[in-house]
Amino acid sequence: MPAIVGPIRINSVGGGVVNFGDAFYLAPKSTSKTNAGSGALNTGDFICTNNGISSTNPFDPDVNDQNVTANA
């Protein structure tokens, strides 16, 4: 059954989905990549991380890692 949508105003949408009316399937897709050194993303209380020398190389020769395709 079709939906009737009245006047609307959207000031901004940041990383979300805006849907008006009927929707059978909504599947927002996004990708991201994080480069962090050894022990950099540990969370919790009383963390003891012994890494010695750590080096992170963010160089990515293949450029594309997770392509977002087939958005319907």
Protein backbone atom coordinates (compact mmCIF):
# COMPACT_ATOMS: atom_id res chain seq x y z
CA MET A 1 0.00 0.00 0.00
CA PRO A 2 1.52 3.34 -0.97
CA ALA A 3 2.33 5.85 1.74
CA ILE A 4 1.37 9.50 1.59
CA VAL A 5 4.19 11.76 2.75
CA GLY A 6 3.52 15.42 3.44
CA PRO A 7 5.94 18.37 3.33
CA ILE A 8 9.35 17.61 4.85
CA ARG A 9 12.59 19.40 5.56
CA ILE A 10 15.93 17.67 6.16
CA ASN A 11 18.80 19.86 7.28
CA SER A 12 21.48 17.18 7.19
CA VAL A 13 22.03 13.45 7.16
CA GLY A 14 25.42 12.13 8.23
CA GLY A 15 26.01 8.46 7.49
CA GLY A 16 22.42 7.33 7.83
CA VAL A 17 19.44 6.14 5.84
CA VAL A 18 16.44 8.32 5.14
CA ASN A 19 13.37 6.42 4.03
CA PHE A 20 9.99 7.81 3.05
CA GLY A 21 7.06 5.56 2.35
CA ASP A 22 7.14 1.84 1.82
CA ALA A 23 10.39 -0.08 1.78
CA PHE A 24 10.90 -3.77 1.18
CA TYR A 25 14.64 -3.94 1.80
CA LEU A 26 17.09 -1.38 3.19
CA ALA A 27 20.75 -2.33 3.37
CA PRO A 28 23.13 0.61 3.82
CA LYS A 29 26.72 -0.34 3.12
CA SER A 30 29.98 1.30 4.10
CA THR A 31 33.62 0.39 4.53
CA SER A 32 36.53 1.84 6.43
CA LYS A 33 40.16 1.04 7.07
CA THR A 34 42.14 1.69 10.24
CA ASN A 35 45.90 1.57 10.60
CA ALA A 36 47.11 1.25 14.17
CA GLY A 37 50.31 0.04 15.77
CA SER A 38 50.77 -2.95 18.00
CA GLY A 39 48.61 -2.61 21.11
CA ALA A 40 47.07 0.69 19.99
CA LEU A 41 43.44 -0.44 20.00
CA ASN A 42 43.38 -2.24 23.33
CA THR A 43 40.51 -1.23 25.60
CA GLY A 44 39.67 -2.10 29.18
CA ASP A 45 41.01 -1.67 32.69
CA PHE A 46 44.60 -2.45 33.75
CA ILE A 47 46.08 -3.18 30.32
CA CYS A 48 49.71 -4.19 30.22
CA THR A 49 51.05 -4.46 26.67
CA ASN A 50 54.73 -5.21 26.07
CA ASN A 51 55.48 -4.66 22.39
CA GLY A 52 59.11 -3.71 22.18
CA ILE A 53 59.58 -1.86 18.91
CA SER A 54 56.40 -1.39 16.88
CA SER A 55 55.99 0.05 13.40
CA THR A 56 52.86 0.39 11.30
CA ASN A 57 53.15 0.67 7.54
CA PRO A 58 49.97 2.21 6.07
CA PHE A 59 51.22 1.81 2.49
CA ASP A 60 48.59 -0.03 0.45
CA PRO A 61 49.77 -0.97 -3.06
CA ASP A 62 46.49 -2.52 -4.27
CA VAL A 63 44.45 0.65 -3.41
CA ASN A 64 41.05 -1.11 -3.30
CA ASP A 65 40.32 -3.32 -0.31
CA GLN A 66 36.56 -3.53 0.20
CA ASN A 67 34.59 -2.19 -2.73
CA VAL A 68 31.02 -1.15 -2.04
CA THR A 69 29.02 -2.56 -4.95
CA ALA A 70 25.56 -3.89 -5.70
CA ASN A 71 23.63 -1.28 -3.74
CA ALA A 72 19.98 -1.88 -4.45
